[in-house]
Amino acid sequence: MDVPELLEAASLLVPERIATENDLTVGDVWEYLAHDEWEVALGLLEELGDVHALPPGFWEGLATAAEELRLERSTAWCHWRAYEARHGIIRARLTLRPAAEATRRTPVAGAGVLRPMWDIGDRSADGGPVLHIARLWVEYAPELEPGGQAPVRLAPLDAARWRRLRPGQEITMHEVRSVAGTAVILEAGPPPATSAG
């Protein structure tokens, strides 16, 4: 499929009744598609996906379209959202330790590249922490500086182990054995119910 076909197919999965914060709907997507405004249509479909739970196929179609348009961050975001549609969402407010107190001296890349370890409360037989791996996406920013704070999304390697997390729970991020940051869970839930998969 070419880009317009991918975007048209994705738009068919969006209920007509939903609208973005600015009252844009799937009808507006069709207007942009009719005028070959593919990047605008893609961005609007991403926004509509934030308003209503949509199936992984929606996000995969958008990822393919974004890749064809050579929009790297948008491609990565749509793949990320397809993961969340399958495995659930985990959002947290992450505070990184300052560079003077941690091994990290450079910013954390924001688009799901870093795969740090996390202490989510599991313990080994000897009482030590069991660390789990989850990719990290910094929301609303391309990176997070040492000492900085931002809302983040986590994509665990084994999502089932993270199901017991609850809002308000504190977890710690590790890039080595020492703590690199602390996160407070904002949202944690199973995959959303969607009308198609």
Protein backbone atom coordinates (compact mmCIF):
# COMPACT_ATOMS: atom_id res chain seq x y z
CA MET A 1 0.00 0.00 0.00
CA ASP A 2 1.12 3.56 -0.59
CA VAL A 3 0.92 6.35 2.00
CA PRO A 4 -2.60 7.60 1.14
CA GLU A 5 -3.97 4.03 1.20
CA LEU A 6 -2.32 3.36 4.57
CA LEU A 7 -3.76 6.54 6.04
CA GLU A 8 -7.20 5.85 4.56
CA ALA A 9 -7.18 2.32 6.02
CA ALA A 10 -6.18 3.67 9.44
CA SER A 11 -8.85 6.37 9.33
CA LEU A 12 -11.52 3.72 8.78
CA LEU A 13 -10.69 2.35 12.26
CA VAL A 14 -11.45 5.70 13.95
CA PRO A 15 -15.03 6.13 15.18
CA GLU A 16 -16.68 9.15 13.53
CA ARG A 17 -17.98 10.50 16.86
CA ILE A 18 -14.57 11.15 18.46
CA ALA A 19 -12.78 14.48 18.21
CA THR A 20 -9.46 15.96 19.28
CA GLU A 21 -9.12 18.72 21.84
CA ASN A 22 -9.54 21.17 18.93
CA ASP A 23 -12.73 19.44 17.66
CA LEU A 24 -10.99 17.84 14.69
CA THR A 25 -12.48 14.54 13.55
CA VAL A 26 -11.84 11.76 11.08
CA GLY A 27 -13.77 13.88 8.56
CA ASP A 28 -10.95 16.42 8.76
CA VAL A 29 -8.46 13.62 8.08
CA TRP A 30 -10.31 12.82 4.86
CA GLU A 31 -10.15 16.51 3.85
CA TYR A 32 -6.37 16.54 4.30
CA LEU A 33 -6.04 13.27 2.39
CA ALA A 34 -8.10 14.71 -0.48
CA HIS A 35 -5.57 17.56 -0.73
CA ASP A 36 -2.49 15.29 -0.45
CA GLU A 37 -1.62 16.74 2.99
CA TRP A 38 -0.35 13.36 4.20
CA GLU A 39 1.84 14.55 7.07
CA VAL A 40 -1.01 16.65 8.48
CA ALA A 41 -3.41 13.70 8.14
CA LEU A 42 -0.90 11.44 9.88
CA GLY A 43 -0.47 13.89 12.76
CA LEU A 44 -4.22 14.23 13.16
CA LEU A 45 -4.68 10.45 13.20
CA GLU A 46 -2.02 10.23 15.93
CA GLU A 47 -4.00 12.80 17.95
CA LEU A 48 -7.25 10.89 17.43
CA GLY A 49 -5.46 7.77 18.70
CA ASP A 50 -4.83 9.63 21.95
CA VAL A 51 -8.56 10.31 22.35
CA HIS A 52 -9.86 6.78 21.79
CA ALA A 53 -8.32 3.31 22.23
CA LEU A 54 -7.50 1.97 18.77
CA PRO A 55 -6.20 -1.48 17.75
CA PRO A 56 -2.55 -2.31 17.07
CA GLY A 57 -3.29 -2.46 13.32
CA PHE A 58 -4.20 1.24 13.36
CA TRP A 59 -0.82 2.15 14.86
CA GLU A 60 1.08 -0.28 12.61
CA GLY A 61 -0.50 1.29 9.52
CA LEU A 62 0.46 4.75 10.75
CA ALA A 63 4.01 3.55 11.47
CA THR A 64 4.36 2.25 7.92
CA ALA A 65 3.01 5.53 6.50
CA ALA A 66 5.37 7.57 8.71
CA GLU A 67 8.28 5.41 7.58
CA GLU A 68 7.36 5.99 3.93
CA LEU A 69 7.25 9.74 4.67
CA ARG A 70 10.68 9.44 6.36
CA LEU A 71 9.36 10.76 9.68
CA GLU A 72 11.62 8.88 12.10
CA ARG A 73 10.18 10.08 15.41
CA SER A 74 6.61 9.59 14.21
CA THR A 75 7.49 6.08 13.00
CA ALA A 76 8.98 5.22 16.40
CA TRP A 77 5.98 6.75 18.22
CA CYS A 78 3.46 4.74 16.20
CA HIS A 79 5.41 1.51 16.82
CA TRP A 80 5.45 2.41 20.52
CA ARG A 81 1.69 2.94 20.54
CA ALA A 82 1.15 -0.41 18.77
CA TYR A 83 3.13 -2.02 21.62
CA GLU A 84 0.91 -0.26 24.18
CA ALA A 85 -2.24 -1.36 22.34
CA ARG A 86 -1.04 -4.97 22.70
CA HIS A 87 0.57 -4.92 26.16
CA GLY A 88 -0.88 -2.00 28.11
CA ILE A 89 0.37 1.41 29.13
CA ILE A 90 2.73 2.47 31.88
CA ARG A 91 3.27 6.18 32.42
CA ALA A 92 5.37 7.70 35.19
CA ARG A 93 7.04 10.92 36.28
CA LEU A 94 10.79 10.26 36.13
CA THR A 95 13.41 12.28 37.97
CA LEU A 96 16.99 11.55 36.93
CA ARG A 97 19.78 11.94 39.44
CA PRO A 98 22.05 14.95 38.81
CA ALA A 99 25.24 14.25 36.83
CA ALA A 100 27.37 14.87 39.94
CA GLU A 101 25.56 12.02 41.75
CA ALA A 102 25.23 9.46 38.95
CA THR A 103 27.22 7.73 36.24
CA ARG A 104 25.16 9.36 33.45
CA ARG A 105 26.60 12.67 32.25
CA THR A 106 24.61 13.01 29.03
CA PRO A 107 20.88 13.40 28.35
CA VAL A 108 18.64 10.35 27.96
CA ALA A 109 17.37 10.05 24.38
CA GLY A 110 13.61 10.47 24.43
CA ALA A 111 12.33 8.24 21.63
CA GLY A 112 12.44 4.77 23.17
CA VAL A 113 16.11 4.02 22.53
CA LEU A 114 17.29 3.54 26.13
CA ARG A 115 16.51 0.17 27.77
CA PRO A 116 17.36 0.66 31.45
CA MET A 117 16.72 -1.76 34.28
CA TRP A 118 13.97 -1.05 36.82
CA ASP A 119 13.38 -2.06 40.42
CA ILE A 120 9.60 -2.53 40.56
CA GLY A 121 9.58 -4.22 43.95
CA ASP A 122 10.39 -7.84 43.09
CA ARG A 123 12.90 -9.57 45.39
CA SER A 124 15.21 -12.54 44.88
CA ALA A 125 15.46 -15.46 47.34
CA ASP A 126 18.24 -13.63 49.22
CA GLY A 127 16.11 -10.46 49.50
CA GLY A 128 17.96 -8.42 46.88
CA PRO A 129 16.12 -6.52 44.15
CA VAL A 130 15.26 -8.26 40.89
CA LEU A 131 15.68 -5.73 38.08
CA HIS A 132 13.49 -5.77 34.96
CA ILE A 133 14.19 -4.17 31.59
CA ALA A 134 11.85 -1.62 30.02
CA ARG A 135 12.39 0.82 27.18
CA LEU A 136 11.90 4.49 28.03
CA TRP A 137 10.03 7.16 26.04
CA VAL A 138 10.24 10.76 27.29
CA GLU A 139 6.93 12.50 26.61
CA TYR A 140 6.89 15.97 25.00
CA ALA A 141 10.69 16.25 24.72
CA PRO A 142 13.46 14.81 22.53
CA GLU A 143 15.62 14.06 25.61
CA LEU A 144 15.89 14.33 29.39
CA GLU A 145 18.92 15.96 31.02
CA PRO A 146 20.62 14.52 34.14
CA GLY A 147 18.81 16.02 37.13
CA GLY A 148 15.75 16.67 34.99
CA GLN A 149 12.17 15.53 35.47
CA ALA A 150 9.56 14.57 32.87
CA PRO A 151 6.59 12.31 32.25
CA VAL A 152 7.73 9.09 30.58
CA ARG A 153 6.25 5.90 29.14
CA LEU A 154 7.74 2.49 29.78
CA ALA A 155 7.64 -0.56 27.52
CA PRO A 156 8.69 -3.61 29.57
CA LEU A 157 10.41 -6.59 28.00
CA ASP A 158 7.97 -8.77 29.97
CA ALA A 159 4.79 -6.72 30.44
CA ALA A 160 3.07 -9.37 32.60
CA ARG A 161 5.60 -8.80 35.42
CA TRP A 162 4.57 -5.11 35.58
CA ARG A 163 0.79 -5.62 35.83
CA ARG A 164 0.67 -5.04 39.60
CA LEU A 165 2.01 -1.45 39.39
CA ARG A 166 -0.42 1.20 40.63
CA PRO A 167 -0.54 5.00 40.42
CA GLY A 168 1.53 6.59 43.17
CA GLN A 169 3.92 3.64 43.42
CA GLU A 170 7.62 4.54 43.29
CA ILE A 171 10.09 2.54 41.19
CA THR A 172 13.79 3.13 40.51
CA MET A 173 15.75 3.22 37.27
CA HIS A 174 19.19 1.63 37.00
CA GLU A 175 21.70 1.80 34.16
CA VAL A 176 24.28 0.11 36.37
CA ARG A 177 23.74 -1.24 39.88
CA SER A 178 23.38 2.26 41.36
CA VAL A 179 20.12 4.21 41.07
CA ALA A 180 19.99 6.48 38.01
CA GLY A 181 16.54 7.90 38.67
CA THR A 182 13.26 7.56 40.53
CA ALA A 183 9.85 7.33 38.90
CA VAL A 184 6.36 7.66 40.37
CA ILE A 185 3.70 5.72 38.45
CA LEU A 186 1.02 7.98 36.94
CA GLU A 187 -0.91 5.34 34.99
CA ALA A 188 -0.63 1.58 34.61
CA GLY A 189 -3.14 -0.60 32.88
CA PRO A 190 -3.80 -3.56 30.64
CA PRO A 191 -4.22 -3.22 26.90
CA PRO A 192 -7.27 -1.09 26.12
CA ALA A 193 -10.39 -2.78 24.81
CA THR A 194 -10.68 -2.04 21.11
CA SER A 195 -13.28 -2.94 18.56
CA ALA A 196 -10.73 -4.53 16.23
CA GLY A 197 -7.31 -6.08 16.66
